[in-house]
């Protein structure tokens, strides 16, 4: 059985329009400061800075496991507090 694995067809205008698939921020009225603020906000929402902080130095498997367990405990405590507030138990 033969499989035809062809890529979708894009016209040259669409392909060459933006070869880099990243974030795009428009600069309006030569206001670069506002564009930088918008870019920082987009990057913050995307989790870019958290990823940079994580990749800054090596974390061992045991440290990753410890951090994951601590995050789970925080999530569980938050869920318990929410349930206590909502239902009273």
N, C-alpha and C. Protein backbone atom coordinates (compact mmCIF):
# COMPACT_ATOMS: atom_id res chain seq x y z
N UNK A 1 0.84 -1.18 0.00
CA UNK A 1 0.00 0.00 0.00
C UNK A 1 0.89 1.24 0.00
N UNK A 2 0.64 2.13 -0.93
CA UNK A 2 1.45 3.34 -1.06
C UNK A 2 0.76 4.50 -0.36
N UNK A 3 1.55 5.29 0.34
CA UNK A 3 1.02 6.49 0.99
C UNK A 3 1.55 7.72 0.27
N UNK A 4 0.67 8.64 0.00
CA UNK A 4 1.09 9.88 -0.63
C UNK A 4 1.23 10.94 0.46
N UNK A 5 2.45 11.21 0.87
CA UNK A 5 2.72 12.16 1.95
C UNK A 5 3.15 13.49 1.35
N UNK A 6 2.21 14.23 0.81
CA UNK A 6 2.57 15.51 0.20
C UNK A 6 2.29 16.64 1.18
N UNK A 7 3.07 17.67 1.09
CA UNK A 7 2.90 18.85 1.94
C UNK A 7 1.83 19.75 1.35
N UNK A 8 1.15 20.53 2.16
CA UNK A 8 0.14 21.44 1.62
C UNK A 8 0.78 22.48 0.71
N UNK A 9 0.03 22.88 -0.28
CA UNK A 9 0.54 23.83 -1.26
C UNK A 9 0.32 25.25 -0.75
N UNK A 10 1.38 26.04 -0.73
CA UNK A 10 1.28 27.45 -0.38
C UNK A 10 1.78 28.26 -1.56
N UNK A 11 1.05 29.30 -1.88
CA UNK A 11 1.51 30.16 -2.97
C UNK A 11 2.76 30.90 -2.54
N UNK A 12 3.54 31.38 -3.51
CA UNK A 12 4.80 32.05 -3.21
C UNK A 12 4.59 33.29 -2.36
N UNK A 13 3.48 34.00 -2.60
CA UNK A 13 3.26 35.23 -1.83
C UNK A 13 3.06 34.92 -0.36
N UNK A 14 2.34 33.83 -0.06
CA UNK A 14 2.10 33.48 1.34
C UNK A 14 3.37 32.91 1.97
N UNK A 15 4.13 32.14 1.21
CA UNK A 15 5.33 31.50 1.74
C UNK A 15 6.40 32.53 2.05
N UNK A 16 6.58 33.52 1.19
CA UNK A 16 7.64 34.50 1.37
C UNK A 16 7.23 35.67 2.26
N UNK A 17 5.96 35.72 2.62
CA UNK A 17 5.48 36.87 3.40
C UNK A 17 6.16 36.91 4.77
N UNK A 18 6.15 35.80 5.48
CA UNK A 18 6.76 35.76 6.81
C UNK A 18 7.48 34.43 6.97
N UNK A 19 8.75 34.35 6.60
CA UNK A 19 9.45 33.07 6.69
C UNK A 19 9.70 32.64 8.14
N UNK A 20 9.71 33.58 9.08
CA UNK A 20 9.93 33.27 10.49
C UNK A 20 8.58 33.24 11.18
N UNK A 21 8.25 32.12 11.79
CA UNK A 21 6.96 32.00 12.46
C UNK A 21 7.15 32.35 13.93
N UNK A 22 7.19 33.61 14.23
CA UNK A 22 7.37 34.07 15.59
C UNK A 22 6.29 35.07 15.94
N UNK A 23 6.55 35.81 16.99
CA UNK A 23 5.61 36.84 17.40
C UNK A 23 5.81 38.08 16.54
N UNK A 24 4.71 38.72 16.23
CA UNK A 24 4.75 39.93 15.43
C UNK A 24 4.09 41.04 16.22
N UNK A 25 4.79 42.16 16.33
CA UNK A 25 4.24 43.34 17.01
C UNK A 25 4.37 44.51 16.07
N UNK A 26 3.26 45.17 15.83
CA UNK A 26 3.26 46.34 14.96
C UNK A 26 3.70 47.57 15.73
N UNK A 27 4.51 48.40 15.09
CA UNK A 27 4.89 49.68 15.68
C UNK A 27 4.01 50.74 15.03
N UNK A 28 3.18 51.36 15.83
CA UNK A 28 2.25 52.36 15.31
C UNK A 28 2.69 53.76 15.73
N UNK A 29 2.63 54.68 14.81
CA UNK A 29 2.97 56.08 15.06
C UNK A 29 4.38 56.24 15.63
N UNK A 30 5.30 55.41 15.19
CA UNK A 30 6.70 55.44 15.65
C UNK A 30 6.82 55.32 17.16
N UNK A 31 5.88 54.65 17.80
CA UNK A 31 5.90 54.47 19.25
C UNK A 31 6.54 53.11 19.57
N UNK A 32 7.86 53.09 19.59
CA UNK A 32 8.60 51.84 19.80
C UNK A 32 8.47 51.37 21.24
N UNK A 33 8.41 52.31 22.20
CA UNK A 33 8.31 51.93 23.61
C UNK A 33 7.05 51.11 23.87
N UNK A 34 5.93 51.54 23.29
CA UNK A 34 4.68 50.81 23.47
C UNK A 34 4.75 49.44 22.81
N UNK A 35 5.39 49.36 21.63
CA UNK A 35 5.55 48.08 20.94
C UNK A 35 6.40 47.12 21.77
N UNK A 36 7.44 47.64 22.42
CA UNK A 36 8.28 46.79 23.27
C UNK A 36 7.48 46.29 24.47
N UNK A 37 6.66 47.17 25.06
CA UNK A 37 5.82 46.74 26.18
C UNK A 37 4.85 45.63 25.76
N UNK A 38 4.26 45.78 24.57
CA UNK A 38 3.33 44.77 24.06
C UNK A 38 4.06 43.46 23.82
N UNK A 39 5.29 43.55 23.26
CA UNK A 39 6.09 42.35 23.01
C UNK A 39 6.42 41.64 24.32
N UNK A 40 6.83 42.40 25.33
CA UNK A 40 7.15 41.81 26.63
C UNK A 40 5.93 41.11 27.23
N UNK A 41 4.76 41.74 27.09
CA UNK A 41 3.52 41.16 27.61
C UNK A 41 3.21 39.84 26.89
N UNK A 42 3.36 39.83 25.56
CA UNK A 42 3.12 38.61 24.79
C UNK A 42 4.08 37.51 25.21
N UNK A 43 5.35 37.88 25.41
CA UNK A 43 6.35 36.89 25.80
C UNK A 43 6.07 36.35 27.20
N UNK A 44 5.60 37.23 28.08
CA UNK A 44 5.27 36.81 29.44
C UNK A 44 4.09 35.83 29.41
N UNK A 45 3.06 36.14 28.62
CA UNK A 45 1.90 35.26 28.52
C UNK A 45 2.27 33.92 27.90
N UNK A 46 3.23 33.93 27.00
CA UNK A 46 3.66 32.71 26.31
C UNK A 46 4.52 31.83 27.22
N UNK A 47 5.06 32.37 28.29
CA UNK A 47 5.91 31.61 29.20
C UNK A 47 7.37 31.61 28.78
N UNK A 48 7.74 32.57 27.97
CA UNK A 48 9.11 32.64 27.45
C UNK A 48 10.12 32.87 28.57
N UNK A 49 9.82 33.79 29.47
CA UNK A 49 10.77 34.13 30.53
C UNK A 49 10.92 32.98 31.52
N UNK A 50 9.83 32.28 31.81
CA UNK A 50 9.93 31.11 32.69
C UNK A 50 10.81 30.04 32.07
N UNK A 51 10.67 29.84 30.76
CA UNK A 51 11.49 28.86 30.06
C UNK A 51 12.96 29.27 30.10
N UNK A 52 13.24 30.55 29.91
CA UNK A 52 14.62 31.03 30.00
C UNK A 52 15.20 30.76 31.38
N UNK A 53 14.42 31.04 32.40
CA UNK A 53 14.89 30.85 33.76
C UNK A 53 15.17 29.37 34.02
N UNK A 54 14.31 28.49 33.48
CA UNK A 54 14.52 27.06 33.68
C UNK A 54 15.77 26.56 32.97
N UNK A 55 16.06 27.10 31.79
CA UNK A 55 17.19 26.62 30.99
C UNK A 55 18.50 27.31 31.36
N UNK A 56 18.45 28.22 32.31
CA UNK A 56 19.65 28.98 32.67
C UNK A 56 20.75 28.06 33.20
N UNK A 57 20.38 27.07 33.98
CA UNK A 57 21.37 26.15 34.52
C UNK A 57 20.79 24.74 34.52
N UNK A 58 21.64 23.77 34.67
CA UNK A 58 21.24 22.37 34.63
C UNK A 58 20.48 22.00 35.90
N UNK A 59 19.37 21.27 35.73
CA UNK A 59 18.65 20.73 36.89
C UNK A 59 18.66 19.21 36.77
N UNK A 60 19.05 18.57 37.86
CA UNK A 60 19.14 17.11 37.85
C UNK A 60 17.74 16.50 37.91
N UNK A 61 17.66 15.21 37.65
CA UNK A 61 16.37 14.52 37.66
C UNK A 61 15.74 14.58 39.04
N UNK A 62 16.55 14.45 40.07
CA UNK A 62 15.99 14.47 41.43
C UNK A 62 15.44 15.84 41.76
N UNK A 63 16.10 16.88 41.29
CA UNK A 63 15.61 18.23 41.55
C UNK A 63 14.31 18.49 40.79
N UNK A 64 14.24 18.01 39.54
CA UNK A 64 13.01 18.14 38.77
C UNK A 64 11.86 17.42 39.47
N UNK A 65 12.15 16.22 39.98
CA UNK A 65 11.13 15.44 40.69
C UNK A 65 10.67 16.17 41.94
N UNK A 66 11.64 16.74 42.68
CA UNK A 66 11.31 17.46 43.91
C UNK A 66 10.45 18.68 43.60
N UNK A 67 10.80 19.42 42.55
CA UNK A 67 10.03 20.60 42.16
C UNK A 67 8.63 20.22 41.70
N UNK A 68 8.52 19.10 40.97
CA UNK A 68 7.21 18.65 40.50
C UNK A 68 6.33 18.25 41.67
N UNK A 69 6.91 17.57 42.66
CA UNK A 69 6.13 17.18 43.85
C UNK A 69 5.66 18.41 44.62
N UNK A 70 6.54 19.41 44.74
CA UNK A 70 6.18 20.64 45.45
C UNK A 70 5.05 21.36 44.70
N UNK A 71 5.12 21.38 43.38
CA UNK A 71 4.06 22.02 42.59
C UNK A 71 2.75 21.27 42.78
N UNK A 72 2.81 19.95 42.84
CA UNK A 72 1.61 19.15 43.07
C UNK A 72 1.00 19.44 44.44
N UNK A 73 1.87 19.57 45.46
CA UNK A 73 1.36 19.91 46.80
C UNK A 73 0.69 21.28 46.81
N UNK A 74 1.30 22.24 46.11
CA UNK A 74 0.69 23.58 46.03
C UNK A 74 -0.67 23.53 45.33
N UNK A 75 -0.74 22.77 44.22
CA UNK A 75 -2.01 22.63 43.50
C UNK A 75 -3.07 22.01 44.39
N UNK A 76 -2.69 20.95 45.12
CA UNK A 76 -3.64 20.26 45.99
C UNK A 76 -4.12 21.18 47.11
N UNK A 77 -3.20 21.93 47.70
CA UNK A 77 -3.59 22.85 48.77
C UNK A 77 -4.51 23.94 48.25
N UNK A 78 -4.23 24.44 47.06
CA UNK A 78 -5.08 25.46 46.47
C UNK A 78 -6.48 24.90 46.21
N UNK A 79 -6.53 23.65 45.71
CA UNK A 79 -7.82 23.00 45.45
C UNK A 79 -8.58 22.79 46.75
N UNK A 80 -7.88 22.38 47.83
CA UNK A 80 -8.53 22.19 49.13
C UNK A 80 -9.07 23.50 49.68
N UNK A 81 -8.29 24.57 49.56
CA UNK A 81 -8.75 25.87 50.04
C UNK A 81 -9.99 26.33 49.27
N UNK A 82 -9.99 26.10 47.97
CA UNK A 82 -11.14 26.48 47.14
C UNK A 82 -12.37 25.67 47.54
N UNK A 83 -12.18 24.36 47.76
CA UNK A 83 -13.30 23.50 48.17
C UNK A 83 -13.81 23.91 49.54
N UNK A 84 -12.91 24.24 50.46
CA UNK A 84 -13.31 24.66 51.80
C UNK A 84 -14.13 25.94 51.74
N UNK A 85 -13.68 26.88 50.89
CA UNK A 85 -14.40 28.15 50.75
C UNK A 85 -15.78 27.94 50.10
N UNK A 86 -15.83 27.05 49.11
CA UNK A 86 -17.06 26.87 48.35
C UNK A 86 -18.07 26.00 49.08
N UNK A 87 -17.62 24.84 49.62
CA UNK A 87 -18.54 23.88 50.21
C UNK A 87 -18.48 23.83 51.73
N UNK A 88 -17.42 24.30 52.33
CA UNK A 88 -17.32 24.31 53.78
C UNK A 88 -16.73 23.04 54.37
N UNK A 89 -16.16 22.17 53.56
CA UNK A 89 -15.50 20.97 54.11
C UNK A 89 -14.24 20.64 53.35
